[in-house]
Amino acid sequence: MPHQLANVSGVILAAGQASRMGRDKLSLPFRGLPILQHVVNAARNSTLRDVTVVLPKGSELRRTVDLSGCNVVTSVHRDMGQAESLKTGLRSVMDSADGCMALLGDQPLITASAIDMLVGAFTQQPECWVAPVQEGMRGNPITIPSAWFPKVFELEGDTGARPLLGSPGLALRLVRVHEVGPFIDVDTEEQYQRLLTNYGQKTA
């Protein structure tokens, strides 16, 4: 691996409407901290060059989550879905990043070591999209090469960047990650309760 890591900017998507949960899931407690705080901490402690957090307008999360050291931007079109949040975050990093890692705000088990593994893989092949995989299941975060940024701005809806993964000419590098973090998110009350039951007592 080259000594010089690629300039990968992290964009944490935290402006969703949590419609399946019915309440602000990112501020729910997990191991004594809001769910979003765990993602922010992992990103800040990783080899990502910088971290941008995309929040909805007037979000309480600015008050309840320690966002120091992060660039905070507001998604004014949160009703238009995850693609809008991704584009909002990407606008603030696109001029200087080799790649953009799109992290989900509802993956509190993500770790700096998993992020670093993905940054390392991207550094080796910066023309490739990079995603974690485990037993055939693809997870998040996904890292987008700068050459594909223009295509991201064409996206619409509540999908993130996933629709682009089937594009002709797209090279996807799957990185086997043995941690659970990239494969567990919290979309429903049931998933939140399962998270607390299975992982709530473990130390980070």
N, C-alpha and C. Protein backbone atom coordinates (compact mmCIF):
# COMPACT_ATOMS: atom_id res chain seq x y z
N MET A 1 0.85 -1.19 0.00
CA MET A 1 0.00 0.00 0.00
C MET A 1 0.89 1.24 0.00
N PRO A 2 0.56 2.26 -0.77
CA PRO A 2 1.35 3.48 -0.76
C PRO A 2 1.35 4.11 0.64
N HIS A 3 2.46 4.77 0.95
CA HIS A 3 2.54 5.42 2.26
C HIS A 3 1.52 6.56 2.36
N GLN A 4 1.32 7.23 1.24
CA GLN A 4 0.40 8.37 1.22
C GLN A 4 -1.02 7.88 0.97
N LEU A 5 -1.89 8.06 1.94
CA LEU A 5 -3.28 7.64 1.75
C LEU A 5 -4.00 8.61 0.82
N ALA A 6 -4.97 8.10 0.10
CA ALA A 6 -5.79 8.96 -0.75
C ALA A 6 -6.56 9.96 0.11
N ASN A 7 -6.85 11.10 -0.49
CA ASN A 7 -7.68 12.09 0.19
C ASN A 7 -9.14 11.66 0.11
N VAL A 8 -9.60 10.99 1.14
CA VAL A 8 -11.00 10.55 1.17
C VAL A 8 -11.74 11.39 2.21
N SER A 9 -12.79 12.07 1.77
CA SER A 9 -13.62 12.86 2.67
C SER A 9 -14.82 12.03 3.10
N GLY A 10 -15.11 12.07 4.38
CA GLY A 10 -16.27 11.36 4.89
C GLY A 10 -17.49 12.27 4.93
N VAL A 11 -18.61 11.78 4.42
CA VAL A 11 -19.87 12.51 4.50
C VAL A 11 -20.87 11.64 5.26
N ILE A 12 -21.26 12.10 6.44
CA ILE A 12 -22.21 11.34 7.26
C ILE A 12 -23.62 11.83 6.95
N LEU A 13 -24.45 10.92 6.47
CA LEU A 13 -25.83 11.27 6.09
C LEU A 13 -26.73 11.17 7.32
N ALA A 14 -27.12 12.33 7.84
CA ALA A 14 -27.90 12.36 9.08
C ALA A 14 -29.11 13.27 8.95
N ALA A 15 -29.62 13.39 7.72
CA ALA A 15 -30.76 14.30 7.48
C ALA A 15 -32.02 13.55 7.06
N GLY A 16 -32.02 12.22 7.23
CA GLY A 16 -33.19 11.45 6.82
C GLY A 16 -34.41 11.74 7.69
N GLN A 17 -35.56 11.34 7.19
CA GLN A 17 -36.80 11.62 7.93
C GLN A 17 -37.16 10.51 8.92
N ALA A 18 -36.42 9.42 8.88
CA ALA A 18 -36.69 8.29 9.79
C ALA A 18 -38.16 7.90 9.77
N SER A 19 -38.73 7.86 8.57
CA SER A 19 -40.17 7.62 8.46
C SER A 19 -40.57 6.24 8.97
N ARG A 20 -39.68 5.26 8.84
CA ARG A 20 -40.03 3.90 9.30
C ARG A 20 -39.96 3.80 10.82
N MET A 21 -39.21 4.69 11.44
CA MET A 21 -39.05 4.66 12.89
C MET A 21 -40.12 5.49 13.59
N GLY A 22 -40.50 6.59 12.95
CA GLY A 22 -41.53 7.44 13.55
C GLY A 22 -41.01 8.40 14.61
N ARG A 23 -39.70 8.39 14.85
CA ARG A 23 -39.08 9.37 15.76
C ARG A 23 -37.63 9.56 15.35
N ASP A 24 -36.98 10.54 15.94
CA ASP A 24 -35.62 10.85 15.53
C ASP A 24 -34.67 9.77 16.02
N LYS A 25 -34.40 8.81 15.16
CA LYS A 25 -33.62 7.65 15.58
C LYS A 25 -32.16 7.99 15.89
N LEU A 26 -31.63 9.02 15.27
CA LEU A 26 -30.21 9.31 15.43
C LEU A 26 -29.86 9.86 16.81
N SER A 27 -30.87 10.34 17.52
CA SER A 27 -30.62 10.84 18.87
C SER A 27 -30.94 9.79 19.94
N LEU A 28 -31.43 8.62 19.52
CA LEU A 28 -31.74 7.56 20.48
C LEU A 28 -30.47 7.11 21.19
N PRO A 29 -30.55 6.78 22.48
CA PRO A 29 -29.35 6.40 23.21
C PRO A 29 -28.88 4.99 22.88
N PHE A 30 -27.56 4.87 22.80
CA PHE A 30 -26.91 3.57 22.62
C PHE A 30 -25.55 3.66 23.34
N ARG A 31 -25.35 2.78 24.30
CA ARG A 31 -24.12 2.82 25.11
C ARG A 31 -23.85 4.22 25.68
N GLY A 32 -24.93 4.88 26.09
CA GLY A 32 -24.79 6.16 26.76
C GLY A 32 -24.62 7.37 25.86
N LEU A 33 -24.63 7.17 24.56
CA LEU A 33 -24.48 8.29 23.62
C LEU A 33 -25.55 8.20 22.53
N PRO A 34 -25.89 9.33 21.89
CA PRO A 34 -26.81 9.25 20.75
C PRO A 34 -26.21 8.37 19.65
N ILE A 35 -27.06 7.68 18.93
CA ILE A 35 -26.60 6.78 17.86
C ILE A 35 -25.64 7.50 16.91
N LEU A 36 -25.99 8.72 16.51
CA LEU A 36 -25.16 9.46 15.56
C LEU A 36 -23.76 9.72 16.12
N GLN A 37 -23.66 9.92 17.43
CA GLN A 37 -22.36 10.24 18.03
C GLN A 37 -21.32 9.14 17.77
N HIS A 38 -21.77 7.90 17.79
CA HIS A 38 -20.85 6.79 17.55
C HIS A 38 -20.25 6.85 16.14
N VAL A 39 -21.09 7.22 15.16
CA VAL A 39 -20.63 7.31 13.78
C VAL A 39 -19.65 8.48 13.64
N VAL A 40 -20.01 9.61 14.25
CA VAL A 40 -19.14 10.80 14.21
C VAL A 40 -17.78 10.47 14.84
N ASN A 41 -17.81 9.82 16.00
CA ASN A 41 -16.56 9.49 16.70
C ASN A 41 -15.66 8.58 15.86
N ALA A 42 -16.28 7.55 15.25
CA ALA A 42 -15.50 6.62 14.42
C ALA A 42 -14.87 7.35 13.25
N ALA A 43 -15.65 8.22 12.61
CA ALA A 43 -15.14 8.96 11.44
C ALA A 43 -14.01 9.90 11.84
N ARG A 44 -14.20 10.59 12.98
CA ARG A 44 -13.18 11.54 13.43
C ARG A 44 -11.88 10.84 13.81
N ASN A 45 -11.96 9.62 14.30
CA ASN A 45 -10.78 8.88 14.74
C ASN A 45 -10.13 8.07 13.63
N SER A 46 -10.65 8.20 12.43
CA SER A 46 -10.17 7.40 11.30
C SER A 46 -9.19 8.20 10.46
N THR A 47 -8.75 7.59 9.36
CA THR A 47 -7.83 8.27 8.45
C THR A 47 -8.55 9.09 7.38
N LEU A 48 -9.85 9.28 7.52
CA LEU A 48 -10.55 10.19 6.61
C LEU A 48 -9.93 11.57 6.71
N ARG A 49 -9.80 12.24 5.58
CA ARG A 49 -9.14 13.55 5.59
C ARG A 49 -9.97 14.59 6.34
N ASP A 50 -11.27 14.52 6.17
CA ASP A 50 -12.18 15.43 6.88
C ASP A 50 -13.54 14.77 6.96
N VAL A 51 -14.38 15.31 7.82
CA VAL A 51 -15.70 14.72 8.06
C VAL A 51 -16.76 15.81 7.94
N THR A 52 -17.73 15.59 7.07
CA THR A 52 -18.87 16.49 6.90
C THR A 52 -20.13 15.78 7.38
N VAL A 53 -20.92 16.44 8.19
CA VAL A 53 -22.17 15.87 8.69
C VAL A 53 -23.33 16.64 8.06
N VAL A 54 -24.23 15.91 7.40
CA VAL A 54 -25.39 16.53 6.75
C VAL A 54 -26.59 16.39 7.67
N LEU A 55 -27.09 17.53 8.16
CA LEU A 55 -28.23 17.54 9.09
C LEU A 55 -29.43 18.22 8.46
N PRO A 56 -30.63 17.92 8.95
CA PRO A 56 -31.80 18.66 8.49
C PRO A 56 -31.79 20.06 9.10
N LYS A 57 -32.52 20.94 8.49
CA LYS A 57 -32.61 22.32 8.98
C LYS A 57 -33.19 22.34 10.39
N GLY A 58 -32.58 23.13 11.26
CA GLY A 58 -33.08 23.28 12.62
C GLY A 58 -32.97 22.04 13.47
N SER A 59 -32.02 21.16 13.16
CA SER A 59 -31.93 19.88 13.85
C SER A 59 -31.46 20.02 15.30
N GLU A 60 -32.14 19.28 16.18
CA GLU A 60 -31.74 19.20 17.58
C GLU A 60 -30.39 18.52 17.74
N LEU A 61 -29.99 17.75 16.73
CA LEU A 61 -28.74 17.00 16.81
C LEU A 61 -27.53 17.92 16.97
N ARG A 62 -27.65 19.16 16.51
CA ARG A 62 -26.55 20.11 16.70
C ARG A 62 -26.28 20.33 18.19
N ARG A 63 -27.33 20.18 18.98
CA ARG A 63 -27.23 20.43 20.42
C ARG A 63 -26.81 19.18 21.18
N THR A 64 -27.28 18.03 20.71
CA THR A 64 -27.11 16.79 21.49
C THR A 64 -25.89 15.97 21.08
N VAL A 65 -25.31 16.28 19.91
CA VAL A 65 -24.16 15.52 19.42
C VAL A 65 -22.95 16.44 19.34
N ASP A 66 -21.81 15.94 19.82
CA ASP A 66 -20.56 16.70 19.73
C ASP A 66 -20.04 16.60 18.30
N LEU A 67 -20.12 17.71 17.58
CA LEU A 67 -19.72 17.74 16.18
C LEU A 67 -18.43 18.53 15.98
N SER A 68 -17.68 18.73 17.05
CA SER A 68 -16.45 19.51 16.94
C SER A 68 -15.49 18.85 15.97
N GLY A 69 -14.85 19.68 15.16
CA GLY A 69 -13.92 19.17 14.15
C GLY A 69 -14.59 18.75 12.86
N CYS A 70 -15.91 18.73 12.84
CA CYS A 70 -16.65 18.34 11.64
C CYS A 70 -17.17 19.58 10.90
N ASN A 71 -17.32 19.43 9.61
CA ASN A 71 -17.99 20.44 8.81
C ASN A 71 -19.48 20.08 8.81
N VAL A 72 -20.33 20.98 9.27
CA VAL A 72 -21.77 20.69 9.34
C VAL A 72 -22.50 21.46 8.25
N VAL A 73 -23.24 20.74 7.43
CA VAL A 73 -24.02 21.37 6.37
C VAL A 73 -25.49 20.97 6.53
N THR A 74 -26.35 21.79 5.97
CA THR A 74 -27.80 21.57 6.12
C THR A 74 -28.41 21.12 4.81
N SER A 75 -29.17 20.04 4.87
CA SER A 75 -29.92 19.58 3.70
C SER A 75 -31.31 20.21 3.75
N VAL A 76 -31.57 21.15 2.86
CA VAL A 76 -32.86 21.85 2.90
C VAL A 76 -33.95 21.06 2.19
N HIS A 77 -33.54 20.03 1.45
CA HIS A 77 -34.54 19.23 0.71
C HIS A 77 -34.60 17.81 1.27
N ARG A 78 -34.62 17.68 2.58
CA ARG A 78 -34.60 16.33 3.18
C ARG A 78 -35.79 15.50 2.72
N ASP A 79 -36.89 16.17 2.38
CA ASP A 79 -38.09 15.45 1.94
C ASP A 79 -37.87 14.76 0.58
N MET A 80 -36.80 15.14 -0.11
CA MET A 80 -36.53 14.56 -1.42
C MET A 80 -35.65 13.32 -1.32
N GLY A 81 -35.29 12.92 -0.10
CA GLY A 81 -34.62 11.65 0.08
C GLY A 81 -33.11 11.74 0.25
N GLN A 82 -32.52 10.56 0.42
CA GLN A 82 -31.11 10.44 0.77
C GLN A 82 -30.19 10.99 -0.32
N ALA A 83 -30.62 10.89 -1.57
CA ALA A 83 -29.78 11.39 -2.66
C ALA A 83 -29.49 12.88 -2.48
N GLU A 84 -30.50 13.64 -2.02
CA GLU A 84 -30.30 15.08 -1.81
C GLU A 84 -29.28 15.33 -0.71
N SER A 85 -29.34 14.53 0.35
CA SER A 85 -28.38 14.69 1.45
C SER A 85 -26.97 14.40 0.96
N LEU A 86 -26.82 13.35 0.17
CA LEU A 86 -25.51 12.99 -0.35
C LEU A 86 -24.97 14.11 -1.23
N LYS A 87 -25.82 14.68 -2.07
CA LYS A 87 -25.37 15.76 -2.95
C LYS A 87 -24.99 17.00 -2.14
N THR A 88 -25.74 17.27 -1.08
CA THR A 88 -25.42 18.41 -0.21
C THR A 88 -24.04 18.24 0.40
N GLY A 89 -23.76 17.04 0.91
CA GLY A 89 -22.45 16.79 1.51
C GLY A 89 -21.33 16.81 0.48
N LEU A 90 -21.61 16.25 -0.67
CA LEU A 90 -20.60 16.15 -1.72
C LEU A 90 -20.17 17.53 -2.23
N ARG A 91 -21.13 18.44 -2.28
CA ARG A 91 -20.80 19.80 -2.76
C ARG A 91 -19.70 20.44 -1.94
N SER A 92 -19.64 20.11 -0.66
CA SER A 92 -18.68 20.78 0.21
C SER A 92 -17.29 20.13 0.16
N VAL A 93 -17.16 18.96 -0.46
CA VAL A 93 -15.85 18.28 -0.48
C VAL A 93 -15.34 18.01 -1.89
N MET A 94 -16.17 18.19 -2.90
CA MET A 94 -15.86 17.67 -4.24
C MET A 94 -14.63 18.30 -4.88
N ASP A 95 -14.29 19.52 -4.49
CA ASP A 95 -13.19 20.20 -5.19
C ASP A 95 -11.82 19.67 -4.80
N SER A 96 -11.73 19.00 -3.66
CA SER A 96 -10.39 18.64 -3.19
C SER A 96 -10.24 17.16 -2.80
N ALA A 97 -11.28 16.37 -2.97
CA ALA A 97 -11.22 14.98 -2.53
C ALA A 97 -10.98 14.02 -3.70
N ASP A 98 -10.16 12.98 -3.43
CA ASP A 98 -10.00 11.90 -4.41
C ASP A 98 -11.21 10.98 -4.40
N GLY A 99 -11.85 10.91 -3.23
CA GLY A 99 -13.02 10.07 -3.09
C GLY A 99 -13.88 10.56 -1.94
N CYS A 100 -15.14 10.16 -1.95
CA CYS A 100 -16.07 10.53 -0.90
C CYS A 100 -16.66 9.26 -0.30
N MET A 101 -16.50 9.10 1.02
CA MET A 101 -17.08 7.95 1.70
C MET A 101 -18.42 8.39 2.31
N ALA A 102 -19.50 7.76 1.85
CA ALA A 102 -20.84 8.10 2.34
C ALA A 102 -21.18 7.19 3.51
N LEU A 103 -21.17 7.77 4.72
CA LEU A 103 -21.47 7.00 5.93
C LEU A 103 -22.91 7.24 6.35
N LEU A 104 -23.54 6.21 6.88
CA LEU A 104 -24.92 6.33 7.35
C LEU A 104 -24.92 6.70 8.84
N GLY A 105 -25.75 7.67 9.20
CA GLY A 105 -25.80 8.12 10.58
C GLY A 105 -26.40 7.11 11.53
N ASP A 106 -27.01 6.04 10.99
CA ASP A 106 -27.69 5.06 11.86
C ASP A 106 -26.92 3.74 11.94
N GLN A 107 -25.59 3.82 11.82
CA GLN A 107 -24.76 2.61 11.95
C GLN A 107 -23.80 2.79 13.13
N PRO A 108 -24.31 2.70 14.36
CA PRO A 108 -23.49 3.04 15.53
C PRO A 108 -22.37 2.06 15.83
N LEU A 109 -22.35 0.91 15.16
CA LEU A 109 -21.29 -0.07 15.41
C LEU A 109 -20.12 0.08 14.45
N ILE A 110 -20.20 1.07 13.55
CA ILE A 110 -19.08 1.30 12.64
C ILE A 110 -17.86 1.74 13.46
N THR A 111 -16.68 1.29 13.06
CA THR A 111 -15.47 1.62 13.81
C THR A 111 -14.47 2.34 12.92
N ALA A 112 -13.54 3.04 13.57
CA ALA A 112 -12.46 3.71 12.82
C ALA A 112 -11.63 2.68 12.06
N SER A 113 -11.44 1.50 12.64
CA SER A 113 -10.61 0.49 11.96
C SER A 113 -11.27 -0.01 10.68
N ALA A 114 -12.60 -0.16 10.70
CA ALA A 114 -13.29 -0.57 9.47
C ALA A 114 -13.19 0.52 8.41
N ILE A 115 -13.36 1.77 8.84
CA ILE A 115 -13.24 2.91 7.90
C ILE A 115 -11.83 2.94 7.32
N ASP A 116 -10.82 2.76 8.17
CA ASP A 116 -9.43 2.80 7.71
C ASP A 116 -9.13 1.70 6.69
N MET A 117 -9.73 0.54 6.91
CA MET A 117 -9.54 -0.57 5.97
C MET A 117 -10.09 -0.19 4.59
N LEU A 118 -11.22 0.48 4.57
CA LEU A 118 -11.84 0.89 3.31
C LEU A 118 -11.05 2.01 2.65
N VAL A 119 -10.53 2.95 3.45
CA VAL A 119 -9.68 4.02 2.90
C VAL A 119 -8.43 3.42 2.28
N GLY A 120 -7.85 2.42 2.96
CA GLY A 120 -6.66 1.76 2.44
C GLY A 120 -6.91 1.08 1.12
N ALA A 121 -8.06 0.42 1.00
CA ALA A 121 -8.41 -0.25 -0.26
C ALA A 121 -8.61 0.76 -1.37
N PHE A 122 -9.24 1.88 -1.04
CA PHE A 122 -9.47 2.92 -2.05
C PHE A 122 -8.13 3.52 -2.49
N THR A 123 -7.19 3.68 -1.56
CA THR A 123 -5.88 4.22 -1.89
C THR A 123 -5.18 3.35 -2.92
N GLN A 124 -5.35 2.03 -2.80
CA GLN A 124 -4.73 1.10 -3.74
C GLN A 124 -5.35 1.20 -5.13
N GLN A 125 -6.65 1.44 -5.17
CA GLN A 125 -7.37 1.50 -6.46
C GLN A 125 -8.35 2.66 -6.46
N PRO A 126 -7.84 3.90 -6.58
CA PRO A 126 -8.69 5.08 -6.45
C PRO A 126 -9.67 5.28 -7.60
N GLU A 127 -9.57 4.42 -8.61
CA GLU A 127 -10.57 4.51 -9.70
C GLU A 127 -11.79 3.65 -9.39
N CYS A 128 -11.71 2.84 -8.34
CA CYS A 128 -12.80 1.92 -8.00
C CYS A 128 -13.70 2.47 -6.91
N TRP A 129 -14.96 2.13 -7.02
CA TRP A 129 -15.86 2.28 -5.88
C TRP A 129 -15.45 1.21 -4.86
N VAL A 130 -15.60 1.50 -3.59
CA VAL A 130 -15.22 0.54 -2.55
C VAL A 130 -16.40 0.34 -1.59
N ALA A 131 -16.70 -0.91 -1.30
CA ALA A 131 -17.78 -1.22 -0.36
C ALA A 131 -17.37 -2.42 0.49
N PRO A 132 -17.82 -2.47 1.75
CA PRO A 132 -17.54 -3.63 2.59
C PRO A 132 -18.46 -4.80 2.25
N VAL A 133 -17.96 -6.01 2.44
CA VAL A 133 -18.78 -7.18 2.18
C VAL A 133 -18.50 -8.24 3.24
N GLN A 134 -19.52 -9.02 3.54
CA GLN A 134 -19.38 -10.10 4.51
C GLN A 134 -20.36 -11.20 4.14
N GLU A 135 -19.83 -12.38 3.88
CA GLU A 135 -20.67 -13.54 3.51
C GLU A 135 -21.66 -13.19 2.40
N GLY A 136 -21.16 -12.49 1.41
CA GLY A 136 -21.99 -12.17 0.25
C GLY A 136 -22.90 -10.97 0.43
N MET A 137 -22.94 -10.41 1.63
CA MET A 137 -23.81 -9.25 1.88
C MET A 137 -22.99 -7.97 1.81
N ARG A 138 -23.45 -7.05 0.99
CA ARG A 138 -22.75 -5.78 0.85
C ARG A 138 -23.27 -4.79 1.89
N GLY A 139 -22.36 -4.03 2.46
CA GLY A 139 -22.76 -3.09 3.51
C GLY A 139 -22.41 -1.66 3.16
N ASN A 140 -22.36 -0.83 4.18
CA ASN A 140 -21.99 0.58 4.07
C ASN A 140 -20.89 0.86 5.07
N PRO A 141 -20.07 1.87 4.88
CA PRO A 141 -20.18 2.95 3.89
C PRO A 141 -19.62 2.56 2.52
N ILE A 142 -20.08 3.29 1.51
CA ILE A 142 -19.59 3.14 0.14
C ILE A 142 -18.70 4.34 -0.18
N THR A 143 -17.56 4.07 -0.79
CA THR A 143 -16.65 5.15 -1.19
C THR A 143 -16.76 5.39 -2.69
N ILE A 144 -16.97 6.66 -3.05
CA ILE A 144 -17.22 7.04 -4.45
C ILE A 144 -15.99 7.76 -5.00
N PRO A 145 -15.41 7.29 -6.11
CA PRO A 145 -14.26 7.98 -6.72
C PRO A 145 -14.68 9.33 -7.30
N SER A 146 -13.75 10.28 -7.30
CA SER A 146 -14.09 11.64 -7.75
C SER A 146 -14.57 11.68 -9.20
N ALA A 147 -14.11 10.74 -10.02
CA ALA A 147 -14.54 10.73 -11.42
C ALA A 147 -16.05 10.51 -11.55
N TRP A 148 -16.65 9.94 -10.50
CA TRP A 148 -18.09 9.66 -10.54
C TRP A 148 -18.93 10.73 -9.84
N PHE A 149 -18.29 11.74 -9.27
CA PHE A 149 -19.07 12.79 -8.57
C PHE A 149 -20.15 13.40 -9.47
N PRO A 150 -19.85 13.72 -10.75
CA PRO A 150 -20.90 14.32 -11.59
C PRO A 150 -22.14 13.44 -11.70
N LYS A 151 -21.93 12.12 -11.74
CA LYS A 151 -23.08 11.20 -11.84
C LYS A 151 -23.93 11.24 -10.57
N VAL A 152 -23.28 11.44 -9.42
CA VAL A 152 -24.02 11.50 -8.16
C VAL A 152 -25.01 12.66 -8.19
N PHE A 153 -24.61 13.76 -8.82
CA PHE A 153 -25.48 14.93 -8.85
C PHE A 153 -26.71 14.73 -9.75
N GLU A 154 -26.71 13.64 -10.51
CA GLU A 154 -27.88 13.32 -11.33
C GLU A 154 -28.89 12.45 -10.58
N LEU A 155 -28.50 11.96 -9.41
CA LEU A 155 -29.37 11.06 -8.64
C LEU A 155 -30.56 11.79 -8.05
N GLU A 156 -31.64 11.05 -7.89
CA GLU A 156 -32.83 11.57 -7.21
C GLU A 156 -33.43 10.47 -6.36
N GLY A 157 -34.15 10.88 -5.31
CA GLY A 157 -34.89 9.91 -4.51
C GLY A 157 -34.17 9.47 -3.26
N ASP A 158 -34.78 8.50 -2.59
CA ASP A 158 -34.29 8.06 -1.28
C ASP A 158 -33.40 6.83 -1.42
N THR A 159 -32.32 6.99 -2.18
CA THR A 159 -31.55 5.81 -2.54
C THR A 159 -30.07 5.91 -2.21
N GLY A 160 -29.54 7.08 -1.95
CA GLY A 160 -28.10 7.20 -1.86
C GLY A 160 -27.49 6.91 -3.22
N ALA A 161 -26.27 6.40 -3.21
CA ALA A 161 -25.54 6.20 -4.47
C ALA A 161 -25.74 4.81 -5.06
N ARG A 162 -26.50 3.97 -4.39
CA ARG A 162 -26.59 2.57 -4.82
C ARG A 162 -27.04 2.38 -6.27
N PRO A 163 -27.97 3.18 -6.82
CA PRO A 163 -28.39 2.94 -8.20
C PRO A 163 -27.23 3.00 -9.20
N LEU A 164 -26.19 3.76 -8.85
CA LEU A 164 -25.07 3.89 -9.77
C LEU A 164 -24.20 2.64 -9.83
N LEU A 165 -24.32 1.78 -8.83
CA LEU A 165 -23.43 0.62 -8.76
C LEU A 165 -23.60 -0.33 -9.94
N GLY A 166 -24.73 -0.24 -10.62
CA GLY A 166 -24.95 -1.10 -11.79
C GLY A 166 -24.54 -0.44 -13.09
N SER A 167 -23.94 0.75 -13.01
CA SER A 167 -23.60 1.50 -14.22
C SER A 167 -22.53 0.79 -15.05
N PRO A 168 -22.65 0.88 -16.39
CA PRO A 168 -21.61 0.29 -17.23
C PRO A 168 -20.28 0.99 -16.98
N GLY A 169 -19.22 0.21 -16.95
CA GLY A 169 -17.90 0.79 -16.77
C GLY A 169 -17.52 1.06 -15.33
N LEU A 170 -18.45 0.78 -14.40
CA LEU A 170 -18.15 1.03 -12.99
C LEU A 170 -17.38 -0.17 -12.42
N ALA A 171 -16.25 0.14 -11.77
CA ALA A 171 -15.47 -0.91 -11.11
C ALA A 171 -15.74 -0.85 -9.62
N LEU A 172 -16.19 -1.96 -9.06
CA LEU A 172 -16.52 -2.01 -7.63
C LEU A 172 -15.55 -2.96 -6.95
N ARG A 173 -14.86 -2.47 -5.93
CA ARG A 173 -13.98 -3.32 -5.14
C ARG A 173 -14.68 -3.65 -3.82
N LEU A 174 -14.90 -4.92 -3.59
CA LEU A 174 -15.53 -5.36 -2.35
C LEU A 174 -14.45 -5.76 -1.36
N VAL A 175 -14.51 -5.20 -0.17
CA VAL A 175 -13.51 -5.45 0.85
C VAL A 175 -14.13 -6.28 1.96
N ARG A 176 -13.54 -7.44 2.23
CA ARG A 176 -14.10 -8.29 3.28
C ARG A 176 -13.79 -7.69 4.64
N VAL A 177 -14.85 -7.35 5.35
CA VAL A 177 -14.73 -6.76 6.69
C VAL A 177 -15.34 -7.73 7.69
N HIS A 178 -14.61 -8.07 8.73
CA HIS A 178 -15.08 -9.09 9.67
C HIS A 178 -15.85 -8.49 10.85
N GLU A 179 -15.96 -7.17 10.88
CA GLU A 179 -16.75 -6.53 11.94
C GLU A 179 -18.22 -6.47 11.52
N VAL A 180 -19.10 -6.28 12.50
CA VAL A 180 -20.54 -6.23 12.18
C VAL A 180 -21.00 -4.82 11.80
N GLY A 181 -20.20 -3.81 12.17
CA GLY A 181 -20.63 -2.42 12.02
C GLY A 181 -21.18 -2.02 10.67
N PRO A 182 -20.52 -2.40 9.56
CA PRO A 182 -21.01 -1.97 8.25
C PRO A 182 -22.32 -2.63 7.82
N PHE A 183 -22.77 -3.62 8.59
CA PHE A 183 -23.92 -4.42 8.14
C PHE A 183 -25.13 -4.29 9.06
N ILE A 184 -25.05 -3.41 10.05
CA ILE A 184 -26.17 -3.22 10.98
C ILE A 184 -26.56 -1.75 11.00
N ASP A 185 -27.80 -1.47 10.60
CA ASP A 185 -28.31 -0.11 10.74
C ASP A 185 -29.65 -0.15 11.46
N VAL A 186 -30.16 1.02 11.78
CA VAL A 186 -31.36 1.10 12.61
C VAL A 186 -32.44 1.86 11.84
N ASP A 187 -33.33 1.11 11.21
CA ASP A 187 -34.42 1.73 10.46
C ASP A 187 -35.76 1.61 11.16
N THR A 188 -35.90 0.61 12.03
CA THR A 188 -37.18 0.35 12.66
C THR A 188 -37.00 0.22 14.17
N GLU A 189 -38.11 0.31 14.89
CA GLU A 189 -38.08 0.15 16.34
C GLU A 189 -37.55 -1.24 16.71
N GLU A 190 -37.94 -2.23 15.92
CA GLU A 190 -37.50 -3.61 16.17
C GLU A 190 -35.98 -3.72 16.04
N GLN A 191 -35.42 -3.07 15.01
CA GLN A 191 -33.96 -3.10 14.83
C GLN A 191 -33.25 -2.39 15.97
N TYR A 192 -33.85 -1.31 16.46
CA TYR A 192 -33.24 -0.58 17.58
C TYR A 192 -33.23 -1.45 18.84
N GLN A 193 -34.33 -2.11 19.11
CA GLN A 193 -34.40 -2.98 20.30
C GLN A 193 -33.41 -4.14 20.17
N ARG A 194 -33.27 -4.67 18.95
CA ARG A 194 -32.32 -5.76 18.72
C ARG A 194 -30.88 -5.27 18.93
N LEU A 195 -30.61 -4.04 18.50
CA LEU A 195 -29.29 -3.44 18.70
C LEU A 195 -28.98 -3.35 20.19
N LEU A 196 -29.95 -2.87 20.96
CA LEU A 196 -29.74 -2.73 22.40
C LEU A 196 -29.53 -4.09 23.06
N THR A 197 -30.33 -5.07 22.64
CA THR A 197 -30.24 -6.41 23.24
C THR A 197 -28.91 -7.08 22.92
N ASN A 198 -28.51 -6.99 21.66
CA ASN A 198 -27.32 -7.73 21.22
C ASN A 198 -26.00 -7.02 21.48
N TYR A 199 -26.03 -5.70 21.47
CA TYR A 199 -24.76 -4.96 21.52
C TYR A 199 -24.73 -3.85 22.56
N GLY A 200 -25.82 -3.62 23.23
CA GLY A 200 -25.90 -2.47 24.14
C GLY A 200 -24.95 -2.52 25.31
N GLN A 201 -24.59 -3.73 25.75
CA GLN A 201 -23.74 -3.83 26.95
C GLN A 201 -22.25 -3.91 26.62
N LYS A 202 -21.94 -4.15 25.35
CA LYS A 202 -20.52 -4.33 25.02
C LYS A 202 -19.80 -2.99 25.02
N THR A 203 -18.56 -3.02 25.43
CA THR A 203 -17.78 -1.78 25.39
C THR A 203 -17.33 -1.51 23.96
N ALA A 204 -17.25 -0.23 23.64
CA ALA A 204 -16.90 0.16 22.28
C ALA A 204 -15.46 -0.21 21.96
